[in-house]
Amino acid sequence: MTTSLLTDLLATPTPPPIPARQTDPDRDYTRQIEVSGNAAEVTVRGPVEMDPDTSAADVLRAHQLDPADWDVKAFRSSEWTLPNGELGVSARFTFARRQDPEAERPNLDELLALVDRYDPPRLSTAQRQGDHTLIVALGDMQFGKADGDGVAGTLQRTIACIDKAAALLPEYRKRFAIGHVHLAWLGDHIEGYQSQGGANAWRTSLTLTEQIRLTRRVMAHAVLRLAPLVERLTVAAVPGNHGEAVRFNGKGVTRYDDSHDTDALIAVQEAVSLAPKEFGHVEFFVPDTDELTVVVECSGSVIAHAHGHQWRSGKHFEWWKGQSFNKASAMHQADVLLAGHLHHEFVDTDGPRTFIQVPAMESESTWWRHRTGTRGAPGLMVMITKDGEVPVKEVVR
């Protein structure tokens, strides 16, 4: 069989070739940029004679970003075929925003000085007594995080909100006899270096010990601010995911209660125990060994505390019901569950039980803002409780 005969027998009815169209730069060349916080990714496509560096810089300038403020951290280049059959080049640059760590680093002495400017009042015994409890609940300060207004903004806001909550006490005493204040620290008090497998380290402007020190000082300020105002002050803290003491390869390898979030409060307890005359009426609570929750009695109401990373959004009552099935858990007696973690205010009820999720104290998660457009609405919450009821709930900002 001849080659020509074989070719003829195998021939298929293919269409004739279509003439190549002329290159249209607006359609054939791509300029793309994606910015997330202090990281940017630029993709440029063009003819082989294109200068990728210059083109990437032009893309940054076109979006009001100064190329001098960005460093190239990764680069990938490949050839591709244009619709007309000619070769083009595709280049992708990964940039990180240039930052001088020393210039951006907050002055820790100035931050701590904010905590030391308070001289507490002294009330008579009768003024400090009553059968209701004022709850002050806060969390998710994530001290050390650079997002939003940074460490200084979060610290100033936290101190201001604690002071505002204390200033509300005499106002609420016009309606309720309040002899007990309960202060609830709901986790993620530090940013830490465990989140996202340590990927948050670049955006964290304080060392771990500085984050913990700041948390201790803020907790101590709250105790000093509130202790003189009431007959009984209780303070509780629970672990958050950011405060975990140890992770390897992104996995927790220690006990559930092993947390900087709670150990900071233990340090405050040890400090105030040296002054029993002034602080003998102050009680401190953290989770038991290998536990994540704390339950405290407040004027006949059983108040449970959890950070909130134990359940999916909207599944708080399902989680609570599951915990209550365990007769050894005090959760089955709880009237109120306090939580944080999801960074926004949310109140829900199921029969006589109340779930209260407090907003974050940090101003925003930049990652979340880029993903959804939503900024933070930081603050803490105050509540009045007695015998399982929570007639007053207020956000303090």
Protein backbone atom coordinates (compact mmCIF):
# COMPACT_ATOMS: atom_id res chain seq x y z
CA MET A 1 0.00 0.00 0.00
CA THR A 2 1.47 3.29 -1.00
CA THR A 3 1.83 6.15 1.42
CA SER A 4 -0.48 8.34 -0.63
CA LEU A 5 -3.18 5.65 -0.62
CA LEU A 6 -2.86 5.25 3.16
CA THR A 7 -3.15 8.98 3.58
CA ASP A 8 -6.22 9.09 1.40
CA LEU A 9 -7.91 6.28 3.33
CA LEU A 10 -7.19 7.93 6.70
CA ALA A 11 -8.23 11.39 5.60
CA THR A 12 -10.92 13.14 7.64
CA PRO A 13 -13.19 16.01 6.65
CA THR A 14 -11.35 18.74 8.53
CA PRO A 15 -12.24 22.39 7.89
CA PRO A 16 -9.80 24.71 6.17
CA PRO A 17 -7.55 26.79 8.46
CA ILE A 18 -8.88 30.15 9.59
CA PRO A 19 -6.59 33.10 8.89
CA ALA A 20 -4.89 34.46 12.03
CA ARG A 21 -6.44 37.66 13.25
CA GLN A 22 -4.35 40.68 14.12
CA THR A 23 -3.19 40.98 17.73
CA ASP A 24 -5.41 43.24 19.84
CA PRO A 25 -3.49 44.39 22.95
CA ASP A 26 -6.70 45.16 24.82
CA ARG A 27 -7.89 41.58 24.38
CA ASP A 28 -4.70 39.55 24.13
CA TYR A 29 -2.58 41.10 26.85
CA THR A 30 -3.53 40.87 30.52
CA ARG A 31 -2.71 43.20 33.38
CA GLN A 32 -4.05 41.91 36.68
CA ILE A 33 -3.43 42.88 40.30
CA GLU A 34 -4.67 41.44 43.58
CA VAL A 35 -3.85 43.19 46.86
CA SER A 36 -4.44 41.59 50.26
CA GLY A 37 -3.22 43.67 53.19
CA ASN A 38 0.55 44.02 52.81
CA ALA A 39 0.83 41.47 50.00
CA ALA A 40 0.18 41.99 46.30
CA GLU A 41 0.23 39.73 43.26
CA VAL A 42 0.65 41.21 39.77
CA THR A 43 0.26 39.25 36.53
CA VAL A 44 1.27 40.75 33.19
CA ARG A 45 1.09 39.22 29.73
CA GLY A 46 2.49 40.59 26.51
CA PRO A 47 4.79 40.03 23.55
CA VAL A 48 8.18 38.46 24.13
CA GLU A 49 9.88 41.86 23.90
CA MET A 50 7.86 43.14 26.89
CA ASP A 51 9.85 44.15 29.99
CA PRO A 52 8.00 42.34 32.85
CA ASP A 53 9.58 44.47 35.60
CA THR A 54 8.49 47.74 34.03
CA SER A 55 5.02 46.40 33.24
CA ALA A 56 4.49 45.17 36.80
CA ALA A 57 5.59 48.55 38.17
CA ASP A 58 3.16 50.26 35.79
CA VAL A 59 0.33 48.11 37.15
CA LEU A 60 1.18 49.17 40.71
CA ARG A 61 1.25 52.84 39.69
CA ALA A 62 -2.08 52.49 37.88
CA HIS A 63 -3.63 51.48 41.19
CA GLN A 64 -2.05 54.36 43.16
CA LEU A 65 0.63 52.11 44.67
CA ASP A 66 4.22 53.32 44.73
CA PRO A 67 6.57 50.59 43.41
CA ALA A 68 9.23 51.91 45.78
CA ASP A 69 7.07 50.73 48.70
CA TRP A 70 7.01 47.11 47.50
CA ASP A 71 9.64 44.35 47.40
CA VAL A 72 9.51 41.39 45.01
CA LYS A 73 9.30 38.18 47.04
CA ALA A 74 8.63 35.69 44.23
CA PHE A 75 8.61 35.66 40.43
CA ARG A 76 7.35 33.20 37.83
CA SER A 77 7.59 33.56 34.05
CA SER A 78 6.28 31.38 31.24
CA GLU A 79 5.71 31.60 27.51
CA TRP A 80 2.27 31.33 25.98
CA THR A 81 0.85 31.41 22.47
CA LEU A 82 -1.16 34.36 21.24
CA PRO A 83 -4.28 33.71 19.14
CA ASN A 84 -2.32 34.68 16.01
CA GLY A 85 0.27 32.00 16.72
CA GLU A 86 2.97 34.36 17.93
CA LEU A 87 4.75 33.82 21.23
CA GLY A 88 4.01 35.95 24.27
CA VAL A 89 5.32 36.03 27.80
CA SER A 90 3.38 35.71 31.06
CA ALA A 91 5.00 36.94 34.27
CA ARG A 92 3.63 36.84 37.80
CA PHE A 93 5.18 38.87 40.61
CA THR A 94 4.49 38.45 44.32
CA PHE A 95 5.17 41.65 46.27
CA ALA A 96 5.37 42.41 49.98
CA ARG A 97 4.95 45.94 51.28
CA ARG A 98 8.21 47.36 52.54
CA GLN A 99 8.18 48.06 56.26
CA ASP A 100 10.80 49.25 58.69
CA PRO A 101 10.09 47.12 61.78
CA GLU A 102 11.65 49.63 64.13
CA ALA A 103 9.74 52.55 62.61
CA GLU A 104 6.42 50.69 62.77
CA ARG A 105 6.97 49.21 66.20
CA PRO A 106 4.76 50.74 68.94
CA ASN A 107 6.45 52.35 71.93
CA LEU A 108 5.65 49.86 74.68
CA ASP A 109 6.40 52.31 77.50
CA GLU A 110 3.87 54.78 76.07
CA LEU A 111 1.30 52.02 75.73
CA LEU A 112 1.76 50.87 79.31
CA ALA A 113 1.60 54.46 80.57
CA LEU A 114 -2.02 54.54 79.40
CA VAL A 115 -2.81 51.83 81.92
CA ASP A 116 -1.26 53.64 84.88
CA ARG A 117 -3.26 56.89 84.84
CA TYR A 118 -6.09 55.86 87.11
CA ASP A 119 -6.68 56.61 90.80
CA PRO A 120 -9.75 54.59 91.90
CA PRO A 121 -12.48 56.12 94.08
CA ARG A 122 -13.46 54.70 97.45
CA LEU A 123 -17.11 53.87 98.19
CA SER A 124 -18.74 53.11 101.51
CA THR A 125 -19.80 49.53 102.28
CA ALA A 126 -23.48 50.36 101.79
CA GLN A 127 -22.81 51.86 98.37
CA ARG A 128 -21.08 48.68 97.23
CA GLN A 129 -23.83 46.22 98.22
CA GLY A 130 -26.75 44.75 96.25
CA ASP A 131 -28.36 41.56 94.93
CA HIS A 132 -27.73 42.11 91.18
CA THR A 133 -24.59 41.55 89.09
CA LEU A 134 -23.15 43.82 86.42
CA ILE A 135 -21.30 41.71 83.83
CA VAL A 136 -18.53 43.32 81.78
CA ALA A 137 -17.58 41.03 78.88
CA LEU A 138 -14.85 41.59 76.31
CA GLY A 139 -12.35 39.75 74.16
CA ASP A 140 -10.49 39.52 70.86
CA MET A 141 -8.12 42.39 71.55
CA GLN A 142 -5.42 40.38 69.76
CA PHE A 143 -2.71 42.68 71.12
CA GLY A 144 0.24 42.77 68.75
CA LYS A 145 -1.81 42.72 65.53
CA ALA A 146 -1.03 45.47 63.04
CA ASP A 147 -4.46 45.56 61.37
CA GLY A 148 -6.70 48.63 61.53
CA ASP A 149 -5.49 51.17 64.07
CA GLY A 150 -2.92 48.71 65.42
CA VAL A 151 -1.82 47.97 68.96
CA ALA A 152 -2.09 51.55 70.23
CA GLY A 153 -5.63 51.95 68.91
CA THR A 154 -6.79 48.66 70.40
CA LEU A 155 -5.20 49.43 73.76
CA GLN A 156 -6.66 52.94 74.00
CA ARG A 157 -10.09 51.64 73.04
CA THR A 158 -9.95 48.77 75.54
CA ILE A 159 -8.95 51.03 78.42
CA ALA A 160 -11.57 53.62 77.43
CA CYS A 161 -14.32 50.99 77.21
CA ILE A 162 -13.41 49.51 80.60
CA ASP A 163 -13.53 53.00 82.10
CA LYS A 164 -16.89 53.70 80.43
CA ALA A 165 -18.28 50.42 81.76
CA ALA A 166 -17.19 51.38 85.27
CA ALA A 167 -18.79 54.81 84.82
CA LEU A 168 -22.09 53.12 83.93
CA LEU A 169 -22.24 51.37 87.31
CA PRO A 170 -23.73 54.32 89.25
CA GLU A 171 -26.25 54.84 86.44
CA TYR A 172 -27.42 51.24 86.61
CA ARG A 173 -27.55 51.45 90.39
CA LYS A 174 -30.40 53.91 89.98
CA ARG A 175 -32.47 50.95 88.72
CA PHE A 176 -30.78 47.89 90.24
CA ALA A 177 -29.05 47.14 93.54
CA ILE A 178 -25.65 46.00 92.25
CA GLY A 179 -23.20 44.52 94.71
CA HIS A 180 -21.31 42.22 92.35
CA VAL A 181 -19.37 42.94 89.16
CA HIS A 182 -18.28 40.03 86.98
CA LEU A 183 -15.48 40.66 84.49
CA ALA A 184 -15.34 38.14 81.62
CA TRP A 185 -12.27 37.87 79.37
CA LEU A 186 -13.40 35.76 76.42
CA GLY A 187 -10.15 34.82 74.70
CA ASP A 188 -7.81 35.90 71.89
CA HIS A 189 -6.35 38.56 74.15
CA ILE A 190 -3.07 38.29 72.25
CA GLU A 191 -2.39 37.85 68.54
CA GLY A 192 0.25 35.20 69.21
CA TYR A 193 2.26 33.41 66.56
CA GLN A 194 0.26 30.20 66.29
CA SER A 195 -2.55 31.38 64.01
CA GLN A 196 -2.50 30.30 60.36
CA GLY A 197 0.52 28.13 61.03
CA GLY A 198 2.57 31.20 61.95
CA ALA A 199 1.69 33.08 58.75
CA ASN A 200 0.54 36.05 60.86
CA ALA A 201 4.07 36.73 62.16
CA TRP A 202 4.92 39.44 59.61
CA ARG A 203 1.82 41.45 60.56
CA THR A 204 2.48 41.21 64.31
CA SER A 205 4.36 44.20 65.71
CA LEU A 206 4.96 43.08 69.32
CA THR A 207 6.96 40.15 70.60
CA LEU A 208 5.07 37.37 72.33
CA THR A 209 6.22 38.44 75.79
CA GLU A 210 5.20 42.04 75.07
CA GLN A 211 1.74 40.92 73.97
CA ILE A 212 1.33 38.94 77.19
CA ARG A 213 2.67 41.80 79.32
CA LEU A 214 0.20 44.22 77.75
CA THR A 215 -2.65 41.79 78.41
CA ARG A 216 -1.63 41.44 82.07
CA ARG A 217 -1.48 45.18 82.54
CA VAL A 218 -4.91 45.72 80.96
CA MET A 219 -6.43 42.97 83.10
CA ALA A 220 -4.83 44.51 86.17
CA HIS A 221 -6.21 47.93 85.22
CA ALA A 222 -9.72 46.49 85.00
CA VAL A 223 -9.38 44.89 88.44
CA LEU A 224 -8.02 48.10 89.95
CA ARG A 225 -10.81 50.08 88.29
CA LEU A 226 -13.70 47.87 89.44
CA ALA A 227 -12.62 46.35 92.75
CA PRO A 228 -13.24 49.48 94.88
CA LEU A 229 -16.78 49.84 93.50
CA VAL A 230 -18.38 46.59 94.65
CA GLU A 231 -18.67 44.15 97.51
CA ARG A 232 -17.73 41.22 95.25
CA LEU A 233 -15.66 41.20 92.05
CA THR A 234 -15.24 38.00 90.05
CA VAL A 235 -12.90 37.72 87.06
CA ALA A 236 -12.86 34.84 84.57
CA ALA A 237 -10.81 34.11 81.45
CA VAL A 238 -11.04 31.38 78.82
CA PRO A 239 -8.57 30.28 76.13
CA GLY A 240 -8.90 31.44 72.53
CA ASN A 241 -7.30 29.97 69.46
CA HIS A 242 -4.76 32.82 69.16
CA GLY A 243 -3.63 32.38 72.76
CA GLU A 244 -2.66 28.71 72.45
CA ALA A 245 0.75 28.22 74.01
CA VAL A 246 2.15 25.56 71.67
CA ARG A 247 1.38 24.24 68.20
CA PHE A 248 3.52 22.12 65.89
CA ASN A 249 2.74 22.08 62.17
CA GLY A 250 -0.44 24.00 62.90
CA LYS A 251 -1.72 21.41 65.37
CA GLY A 252 -2.23 21.81 69.10
CA VAL A 253 0.01 19.42 71.02
CA THR A 254 -0.59 20.49 74.60
CA ARG A 255 -3.53 20.62 77.01
CA TYR A 256 -6.59 22.64 76.06
CA ASP A 257 -6.14 24.92 79.06
CA ASP A 258 -2.50 25.68 78.20
CA SER A 259 -3.05 29.25 77.06
CA HIS A 260 -1.48 32.68 77.36
CA ASP A 261 -5.02 34.11 77.47
CA THR A 262 -5.66 32.52 80.86
CA ASP A 263 -2.13 32.52 82.24
CA ALA A 264 -2.11 36.32 82.03
CA LEU A 265 -5.05 36.40 84.45
CA ILE A 266 -3.35 33.92 86.77
CA ALA A 267 -0.40 36.33 86.96
CA VAL A 268 -2.77 39.16 87.90
CA GLN A 269 -4.30 36.96 90.60
CA GLU A 270 -0.87 36.28 92.05
CA ALA A 271 -0.11 40.00 92.10
CA VAL A 272 -3.31 41.14 93.83
CA SER A 273 -3.06 38.32 96.37
CA LEU A 274 -0.15 40.29 97.85
CA ALA A 275 -2.66 42.97 98.92
CA PRO A 276 -5.47 41.01 100.65
CA LYS A 277 -6.83 44.08 102.42
CA GLU A 278 -7.65 45.84 99.14
CA PHE A 279 -8.44 42.76 97.04
CA GLY A 280 -9.66 40.09 99.41
CA HIS A 281 -13.13 40.34 97.83
CA VAL A 282 -11.80 39.61 94.32
CA GLU A 283 -12.08 36.04 92.95
CA PHE A 284 -10.40 34.65 89.83
CA PHE A 285 -11.49 31.75 87.62
CA VAL A 286 -9.87 29.92 84.69
CA PRO A 287 -10.71 26.53 83.13
CA ASP A 288 -9.87 23.32 84.94
CA THR A 289 -7.10 21.07 83.59
CA ASP A 290 -7.66 20.25 79.91
CA GLU A 291 -10.88 22.29 79.76
CA LEU A 292 -11.95 25.27 77.64
CA THR A 293 -14.92 26.66 79.58
CA VAL A 294 -15.60 28.35 82.91
CA VAL A 295 -18.92 28.59 84.76
CA VAL A 296 -19.46 31.24 87.47
CA GLU A 297 -22.50 31.96 89.67
CA CYS A 298 -23.58 35.60 89.55
CA SER A 299 -26.57 36.66 91.70
CA GLY A 300 -28.38 33.38 91.11
CA SER A 301 -27.53 33.28 87.39
CA VAL A 302 -25.12 30.61 86.14
CA ILE A 303 -22.82 32.28 83.60
CA ALA A 304 -20.84 30.06 81.21
CA HIS A 305 -17.85 31.30 79.22
CA ALA A 306 -16.30 29.95 76.01
CA HIS A 307 -14.20 31.64 73.36
CA GLY A 308 -16.45 30.46 70.53
CA HIS A 309 -14.06 28.52 68.29
CA GLN A 310 -15.64 25.26 69.45
CA TRP A 311 -18.69 25.62 67.16
CA ARG A 312 -19.52 26.82 63.66
CA SER A 313 -21.24 30.15 63.19
CA GLY A 314 -24.89 29.88 64.19
CA LYS A 315 -24.43 26.51 65.92
CA HIS A 316 -23.96 27.82 69.46
CA PHE A 317 -27.13 26.26 70.87
CA GLU A 318 -26.36 22.89 69.26
CA TRP A 319 -22.94 22.94 70.92
CA TRP A 320 -24.45 24.05 74.24
CA LYS A 321 -27.03 21.26 74.13
CA GLY A 322 -24.30 18.71 73.43
CA GLN A 323 -22.24 19.91 76.39
CA SER A 324 -25.34 19.82 78.60
CA PHE A 325 -25.87 16.13 77.77
CA ASN A 326 -22.73 15.44 79.83
CA LYS A 327 -23.97 15.37 83.43
CA ALA A 328 -20.43 15.96 84.67
CA SER A 329 -20.37 19.32 82.87
CA ALA A 330 -21.69 22.43 84.58
CA MET A 331 -22.94 23.60 81.18
CA HIS A 332 -26.27 21.86 81.78
CA GLN A 333 -26.91 24.32 84.63
CA ALA A 334 -25.94 27.45 82.69
CA ASP A 335 -28.46 30.25 82.16
CA VAL A 336 -26.19 32.43 80.02
CA LEU A 337 -23.37 31.57 77.60
CA LEU A 338 -20.85 34.33 76.84
CA ALA A 339 -18.55 34.05 73.82
CA GLY A 340 -16.42 36.03 71.37
CA HIS A 341 -14.38 34.77 68.38
CA LEU A 342 -16.64 35.94 65.53
CA HIS A 343 -15.91 39.62 66.22
CA HIS A 344 -19.46 40.97 66.13
CA GLU A 345 -22.32 41.51 68.57
CA PHE A 346 -24.99 38.81 68.55
CA VAL A 347 -27.71 37.93 71.08
CA ASP A 348 -29.91 34.85 70.85
CA THR A 349 -32.34 33.10 73.19
CA ASP A 350 -33.74 29.59 73.47
CA GLY A 351 -36.44 29.44 76.11
CA PRO A 352 -34.93 30.72 79.36
CA ARG A 353 -31.34 30.48 78.11
CA THR A 354 -29.44 33.40 76.60
CA PHE A 355 -26.44 33.40 74.26
CA ILE A 356 -24.41 36.60 74.07
CA GLN A 357 -21.54 37.04 71.61
CA VAL A 358 -19.49 40.19 72.16
CA PRO A 359 -17.80 42.28 69.45
CA ALA A 360 -14.03 42.29 69.12
CA MET A 361 -11.93 45.01 70.68
CA GLU A 362 -9.64 45.21 67.63
CA SER A 363 -10.81 47.68 65.00
CA GLU A 364 -10.83 45.27 62.07
CA SER A 365 -9.50 42.13 60.46
CA THR A 366 -7.93 43.40 57.26
CA TRP A 367 -8.20 39.94 55.72
CA TRP A 368 -11.94 39.87 56.45
CA ARG A 369 -12.39 43.40 55.09
CA HIS A 370 -10.75 42.46 51.79
CA ARG A 371 -12.86 39.32 51.61
CA THR A 372 -16.25 40.83 52.51
CA GLY A 373 -15.86 44.61 52.66
CA THR A 374 -16.94 44.60 56.31
CA ARG A 375 -14.98 46.63 58.84
CA GLY A 376 -15.12 46.05 62.58
CA ALA A 377 -17.46 47.66 65.12
CA PRO A 378 -15.32 47.21 68.23
CA GLY A 379 -16.51 47.41 71.80
CA LEU A 380 -17.42 45.44 74.90
CA MET A 381 -20.78 44.51 76.38
CA VAL A 382 -22.31 45.10 79.80
CA MET A 383 -25.30 43.20 81.19
CA ILE A 384 -27.37 43.14 84.36
CA THR A 385 -28.35 39.70 85.66
CA LYS A 386 -30.18 38.09 88.55
CA ASP A 387 -31.78 34.62 88.93
CA GLY A 388 -31.15 33.63 85.32
CA GLU A 389 -32.61 36.80 83.80
CA VAL A 390 -30.64 39.32 81.74
CA PRO A 391 -32.92 42.36 81.49
CA VAL A 392 -30.21 44.75 80.29
CA LYS A 393 -27.66 44.26 77.52
CA GLU A 394 -25.64 47.20 76.22
CA VAL A 395 -22.69 47.62 73.88
CA VAL A 396 -20.04 50.07 75.11
CA ARG A 397 -17.89 51.72 72.45
